[in-house]
C-alpha atoms as a PDB file:
ATOM      1  CA  UNK A   1      71.139  49.181 -44.013  1.00  0.00           C
ATOM      2  CA  UNK A   2      69.865  50.888 -40.694  1.00  0.00           C
ATOM      3  CA  UNK A   3      72.477  51.730 -38.092  1.00  0.00           C
ATOM      4  CA  UNK A   4      71.688  51.886 -34.397  1.00  0.00           C
ATOM      5  CA  UNK A   5      72.737  54.759 -32.396  1.00  0.00           C
ATOM      6  CA  UNK A   6      75.998  54.252 -30.675  1.00  0.00           C
ATOM      7  CA  UNK A   7      75.295  52.659 -27.254  1.00  0.00           C
ATOM      8  CA  UNK A   8      77.793  52.755 -24.317  1.00  0.00           C
ATOM      9  CA  UNK A   9      80.016  49.569 -23.972  1.00  0.00           C
ATOM     10  CA  UNK A  10      78.497  46.847 -21.849  1.00  0.00           C
ATOM     11  CA  UNK A  11      79.693  47.133 -18.202  1.00  0.00           C
ATOM     12  CA  UNK A  12      78.408  43.759 -17.143  1.00  0.00           C
ATOM     13  CA  UNK A  13      77.384  40.860 -19.439  1.00  0.00           C
ATOM     14  CA  UNK A  14      78.900  39.779 -22.840  1.00  0.00           C
ATOM     15  CA  UNK A  15      80.540  42.011 -25.421  1.00  0.00           C
ATOM     16  CA  UNK A  16      78.678  42.202 -28.639  1.00  0.00           C
ATOM     17  CA  UNK A  17      79.038  43.724 -32.161  1.00  0.00           C
ATOM     18  CA  UNK A  18      81.410  46.705 -32.234  1.00  0.00           C
ATOM     19  CA  UNK A  19      82.445  46.064 -28.579  1.00  0.00           C
ATOM     20  CA  UNK A  20      84.246  42.824 -29.390  1.00  0.00           C
ATOM     21  CA  UNK A  21      87.895  43.717 -29.130  1.00  0.00           C
ATOM     22  CA  UNK A  22      89.491  40.627 -30.898  1.00  0.00           C
ATOM     23  CA  UNK A  23      90.341  41.006 -34.532  1.00  0.00           C
ATOM     24  CA  UNK A  24      89.248  37.335 -35.218  1.00  0.00           C
ATOM     25  CA  UNK A  25      86.635  35.198 -33.697  1.00  0.00           C
ATOM     26  CA  UNK A  26      85.339  31.600 -34.054  1.00  0.00           C
ATOM     27  CA  UNK A  27      81.735  32.028 -35.426  1.00  0.00           C
ATOM     28  CA  UNK A  28      78.757  29.882 -34.571  1.00  0.00           C
ATOM     29  CA  UNK A  29      75.570  30.880 -36.566  1.00  0.00           C
ATOM     30  CA  UNK A  30      71.998  31.007 -35.167  1.00  0.00           C
ATOM     31  CA  UNK A  31      71.338  27.279 -35.944  1.00  0.00           C
ATOM     32  CA  UNK A  32      74.485  26.127 -33.929  1.00  0.00           C
ATOM     33  CA  UNK A  33      76.666  25.551 -37.061  1.00  0.00           C
ATOM     34  CA  UNK A  34      80.362  26.329 -36.767  1.00  0.00           C
ATOM     35  CA  UNK A  35      81.290  28.774 -39.477  1.00  0.00           C
ATOM     36  CA  UNK A  36      84.982  28.707 -38.515  1.00  0.00           C
ATOM     37  CA  UNK A  37      87.418  31.498 -37.750  1.00  0.00           C
ATOM     38  CA  UNK A  38      86.774  34.891 -39.423  1.00  0.00           C
ATOM     39  CA  UNK A  39      87.452  38.542 -38.999  1.00  0.00           C
ATOM     40  CA  UNK A  40      85.163  40.188 -36.555  1.00  0.00           C
ATOM     41  CA  UNK A  41      84.018  42.870 -39.075  1.00  0.00           C
ATOM     42  CA  UNK A  42      82.925  40.152 -41.547  1.00  0.00           C
ATOM     43  CA  UNK A  43      81.192  38.180 -38.843  1.00  0.00           C
ATOM     44  CA  UNK A  44      79.338  41.270 -37.662  1.00  0.00           C
ATOM     45  CA  UNK A  45      78.077  41.970 -41.273  1.00  0.00           C
ATOM     46  CA  UNK A  46      76.904  38.438 -41.599  1.00  0.00           C
ATOM     47  CA  UNK A  47      75.070  38.582 -38.272  1.00  0.00           C
ATOM     48  CA  UNK A  48      73.390  41.844 -39.194  1.00  0.00           C
ATOM     49  CA  UNK A  49      72.300  40.423 -42.570  1.00  0.00           C
ATOM     50  CA  UNK A  50      70.324  37.696 -40.618  1.00  0.00           C
ATOM     51  CA  UNK A  51      69.084  40.362 -38.345  1.00  0.00           C
ATOM     52  CA  UNK A  52      70.859  39.238 -35.245  1.00  0.00           C
ATOM     53  CA  UNK A  53      73.932  40.483 -33.134  1.00  0.00           C
ATOM     54  CA  UNK A  54      77.401  38.988 -32.795  1.00  0.00           C
ATOM     55  CA  UNK A  55      77.741  38.111 -29.226  1.00  0.00           C
ATOM     56  CA  UNK A  56      81.003  37.034 -27.619  1.00  0.00           C
ATOM     57  CA  UNK A  57      80.001  33.819 -25.589  1.00  0.00           C
ATOM     58  CA  UNK A  58      83.446  32.553 -24.729  1.00  0.00           C
ATOM     59  CA  UNK A  59      85.902  35.522 -24.462  1.00  0.00           C
ATOM     60  CA  UNK A  60      88.762  33.488 -22.976  1.00  0.00           C
ATOM     61  CA  UNK A  61      89.008  30.988 -25.785  1.00  0.00           C
ATOM     62  CA  UNK A  62      91.648  31.385 -28.423  1.00  0.00           C
ATOM     63  CA  UNK A  63      90.298  32.840 -30.657  1.00  0.00           C
ATOM     64  CA  UNK A  64      87.116  33.989 -28.721  1.00  0.00           C
ATOM     65  CA  UNK A  65      83.930  32.260 -29.635  1.00  0.00           C
ATOM     66  CA  UNK A  66      81.091  34.504 -30.929  1.00  0.00           C
ATOM     67  CA  UNK A  67      77.545  33.625 -31.711  1.00  0.00           C
ATOM     68  CA  UNK A  68      74.739  35.109 -33.839  1.00  0.00           C
ATOM     69  CA  UNK A  69      72.099  35.905 -31.065  1.00  0.00           C
ATOM     70  CA  UNK A  70      69.668  38.532 -30.021  1.00  0.00           C
ATOM     71  CA  UNK A  71      71.644  40.473 -27.253  1.00  0.00           C
ATOM     72  CA  UNK A  72      68.484  41.464 -25.397  1.00  0.00           C
ATOM     73  CA  UNK A  73      67.065  37.902 -25.235  1.00  0.00           C
ATOM     74  CA  UNK A  74      70.530  36.514 -24.368  1.00  0.00           C
ATOM     75  CA  UNK A  75      70.829  38.925 -21.326  1.00  0.00           C
ATOM     76  CA  UNK A  76      67.195  38.168 -20.283  1.00  0.00           C
ATOM     77  CA  UNK A  77      67.756  34.350 -20.270  1.00  0.00           C
ATOM     78  CA  UNK A  78      71.026  34.645 -18.382  1.00  0.00           C
ATOM     79  CA  UNK A  79      69.306  36.856 -15.781  1.00  0.00           C
ATOM     80  CA  UNK A  80      66.461  34.292 -15.428  1.00  0.00           C
ATOM     81  CA  UNK A  81      68.962  31.444 -15.056  1.00  0.00           C
ATOM     82  CA  UNK A  82      70.813  33.390 -12.293  1.00  0.00           C
ATOM     83  CA  UNK A  83      67.546  34.154 -10.434  1.00  0.00           C
ATOM     84  CA  UNK A  84      66.590  30.499 -10.611  1.00  0.00           C
ATOM     85  CA  UNK A  85      69.911  29.347  -9.205  1.00  0.00           C
ATOM     86  CA  UNK A  86      69.628  31.934  -6.350  1.00  0.00           C
ATOM     87  CA  UNK A  87      66.034  30.862  -5.628  1.00  0.00           C
ATOM     88  CA  UNK A  88      66.907  27.123  -5.426  1.00  0.00           C
ATOM     89  CA  UNK A  89      69.857  27.809  -3.109  1.00  0.00           C
ATOM     90  CA  UNK A  90      69.230  26.826   0.473  1.00  0.00           C
ATOM     91  CA  UNK A  91      70.932  28.703   3.381  1.00  0.00           C
ATOM     92  CA  UNK A  92      71.970  26.447   6.058  1.00  0.00           C
ATOM     93  CA  UNK A  93      70.691  27.549   9.556  1.00  0.00           C
ATOM     94  CA  UNK A  94      71.851  26.555  12.973  1.00  0.00           C
ATOM     95  CA  UNK A  95      68.927  25.319  15.144  1.00  0.00           C
ATOM     96  CA  UNK A  96      69.507  24.979  18.876  1.00  0.00           C
ATOM     97  CA  UNK A  97      68.205  22.240  21.200  1.00  0.00           C
ATOM     98  CA  UNK A  98      68.588  22.787  24.878  1.00  0.00           C
ATOM     99  CA  UNK A  99      68.707  19.896  27.386  1.00  0.00           C
ATOM    100  CA  UNK A 100      69.503  19.326  30.948  1.00  0.00           C
ATOM    101  CA  UNK A 101      71.992  16.477  32.167  1.00  0.00           C
ATOM    102  CA  UNK A 102      69.272  14.691  34.066  1.00  0.00           C
ATOM    103  CA  UNK A 103      66.605  14.598  31.226  1.00  0.00           C
ATOM    104  CA  UNK A 104      63.949  12.055  31.277  1.00  0.00           C
ATOM    105  CA  UNK A 105      63.576   9.385  28.607  1.00  0.00           C
ATOM    106  CA  UNK A 106      60.319  10.754  27.066  1.00  0.00           C
ATOM    107  CA  UNK A 107      61.733  14.334  26.988  1.00  0.00           C
ATOM    108  CA  UNK A 108      64.937  12.965  25.335  1.00  0.00           C
ATOM    109  CA  UNK A 109      62.990  11.096  22.708  1.00  0.00           C
ATOM    110  CA  UNK A 110      61.070  14.323  21.912  1.00  0.00           C
ATOM    111  CA  UNK A 111      64.285  16.312  21.625  1.00  0.00           C
ATOM    112  CA  UNK A 112      65.778  13.676  19.328  1.00  0.00           C
ATOM    113  CA  UNK A 113      62.697  13.774  16.948  1.00  0.00           C
ATOM    114  CA  UNK A 114      63.269  17.513  16.638  1.00  0.00           C
ATOM    115  CA  UNK A 115      67.106  17.001  16.087  1.00  0.00           C
ATOM    116  CA  UNK A 116      66.413  14.387  13.413  1.00  0.00           C
ATOM    117  CA  UNK A 117      63.794  16.792  11.745  1.00  0.00           C
ATOM    118  CA  UNK A 118      66.227  19.670  11.700  1.00  0.00           C
ATOM    119  CA  UNK A 119      68.989  17.604  10.233  1.00  0.00           C
ATOM    120  CA  UNK A 120      66.484  16.206   7.655  1.00  0.00           C
ATOM    121  CA  UNK A 121      65.795  19.711   6.563  1.00  0.00           C
ATOM    122  CA  UNK A 122      69.520  20.327   5.983  1.00  0.00           C
ATOM    123  CA  UNK A 123      70.108  22.562   8.980  1.00  0.00           C
ATOM    124  CA  UNK A 124      72.878  22.200  11.547  1.00  0.00           C
ATOM    125  CA  UNK A 125      71.932  21.544  15.171  1.00  0.00           C
ATOM    126  CA  UNK A 126      73.613  23.000  18.266  1.00  0.00           C
ATOM    127  CA  UNK A 127      72.979  20.814  21.267  1.00  0.00           C
ATOM    128  CA  UNK A 128      73.265  22.727  24.461  1.00  0.00           C
ATOM    129  CA  UNK A 129      73.447  21.138  27.887  1.00  0.00           C
ATOM    130  CA  UNK A 130      72.761  23.511  30.711  1.00  0.00           C
ATOM    131  CA  UNK A 131      74.102  22.742  34.201  1.00  0.00           C
ATOM    132  CA  UNK A 132      72.579  24.274  37.263  1.00  0.00           C
ATOM    133  CA  UNK A 133      73.915  24.201  40.853  1.00  0.00           C
ATOM    134  CA  UNK A 134      75.672  21.090  41.908  1.00  0.00           C
ATOM    135  CA  UNK A 135      75.036  19.393  38.521  1.00  0.00           C
ATOM    136  CA  UNK A 136      78.199  21.192  37.390  1.00  0.00           C
ATOM    137  CA  UNK A 137      80.400  18.887  39.495  1.00  0.00           C
ATOM    138  CA  UNK A 138      78.971  15.898  37.499  1.00  0.00           C
ATOM    139  CA  UNK A 139      80.327  17.023  33.994  1.00  0.00           C
ATOM    140  CA  UNK A 140      80.643  13.369  33.071  1.00  0.00           C
ATOM    141  CA  UNK A 141      77.019  12.919  33.110  1.00  0.00           C
ATOM    142  CA  UNK A 142      76.629  15.561  30.403  1.00  0.00           C
ATOM    143  CA  UNK A 143      79.372  14.023  28.383  1.00  0.00           C
ATOM    144  CA  UNK A 144      77.553  10.724  28.533  1.00  0.00           C
ATOM    145  CA  UNK A 145      74.265  12.293  27.429  1.00  0.00           C
ATOM    146  CA  UNK A 146      75.896  14.062  24.452  1.00  0.00           C
ATOM    147  CA  UNK A 147      77.731  10.797  23.352  1.00  0.00           C
ATOM    148  CA  UNK A 148      74.277   9.115  23.500  1.00  0.00           C
ATOM    149  CA  UNK A 149      72.857  11.823  21.120  1.00  0.00           C
ATOM    150  CA  UNK A 150      75.835  11.430  18.895  1.00  0.00           C
ATOM    151  CA  UNK A 151      75.234   7.715  18.727  1.00  0.00           C
ATOM    152  CA  UNK A 152      71.574   8.125  18.006  1.00  0.00           C
ATOM    153  CA  UNK A 153      72.194  10.365  14.859  1.00  0.00           C
ATOM    154  CA  UNK A 154      75.343   8.779  13.534  1.00  0.00           C
ATOM    155  CA  UNK A 155      73.675   7.518  10.370  1.00  0.00           C
ATOM    156  CA  UNK A 156      72.317  10.928   9.397  1.00  0.00           C
ATOM    157  CA  UNK A 157      74.652  13.533  10.891  1.00  0.00           C
ATOM    158  CA  UNK A 158      78.334  14.054  11.657  1.00  0.00           C
ATOM    159  CA  UNK A 159      79.839  15.873  14.701  1.00  0.00           C
ATOM    160  CA  UNK A 160      81.098  19.280  13.509  1.00  0.00           C
ATOM    161  CA  UNK A 161      82.165  20.573  16.964  1.00  0.00           C
ATOM    162  CA  UNK A 162      82.747  17.918  19.642  1.00  0.00           C
ATOM    163  CA  UNK A 163      81.355  18.383  23.160  1.00  0.00           C
ATOM    164  CA  UNK A 164      83.133  21.226  25.096  1.00  0.00           C
ATOM    165  CA  UNK A 165      82.349  23.176  28.241  1.00  0.00           C
ATOM    166  CA  UNK A 166      81.630  26.939  27.993  1.00  0.00           C
ATOM    167  CA  UNK A 167      80.924  28.293  31.434  1.00  0.00           C
ATOM    168  CA  UNK A 168      77.900  26.529  32.798  1.00  0.00           C
ATOM    169  CA  UNK A 169      76.961  24.846  29.639  1.00  0.00           C
ATOM    170  CA  UNK A 170      78.251  21.993  27.402  1.00  0.00           C
ATOM    171  CA  UNK A 171      77.940  22.394  23.612  1.00  0.00           C
ATOM    172  CA  UNK A 172      78.050  20.167  20.589  1.00  0.00           C
ATOM    173  CA  UNK A 173      77.299  21.043  16.823  1.00  0.00           C
ATOM    174  CA  UNK A 174      75.876  18.398  14.478  1.00  0.00           C
ATOM    175  CA  UNK A 175      75.749  18.786  10.712  1.00  0.00           C
ATOM    176  CA  UNK A 176      73.993  16.739   8.057  1.00  0.00           C
ATOM    177  CA  UNK A 177      76.111  14.087   6.345  1.00  0.00           C
END
């Protein structure tokens, strides 16, 4: 029987062969058959006779569950699965749409199309209403406009931050439902 040179214990990833610390493990062979609970030494010898390693797949169980696997292949597949999960993850961005309180209907429709597009992509939308000069004394016009925006996107988005004044601008944040 050929012995491998002693490797350092695994820092990350599953424990295998002589690094399994439990005296007894529940063993599952290479075909997925449950061989029952046995001593770790005995299970390791059986795994080596098949040409595989004894890999601890569920260390928190009582007793821990170990499987006959190829350690390198197991680590490679786990890494590929983690990379695929990371790749399919979408980060949510905050897109900003700027308007004025006396916006014309056609301009409003154009801005609404962009808002609907951004929300459809899964992004949050920050609607900013900028007041200039005397417009600031007519804050209710801005509130009416933002309520109109909120009403137009009520089926696809929810209001995350209700309209509020910040200096010379009024802000509202919409998030996809």
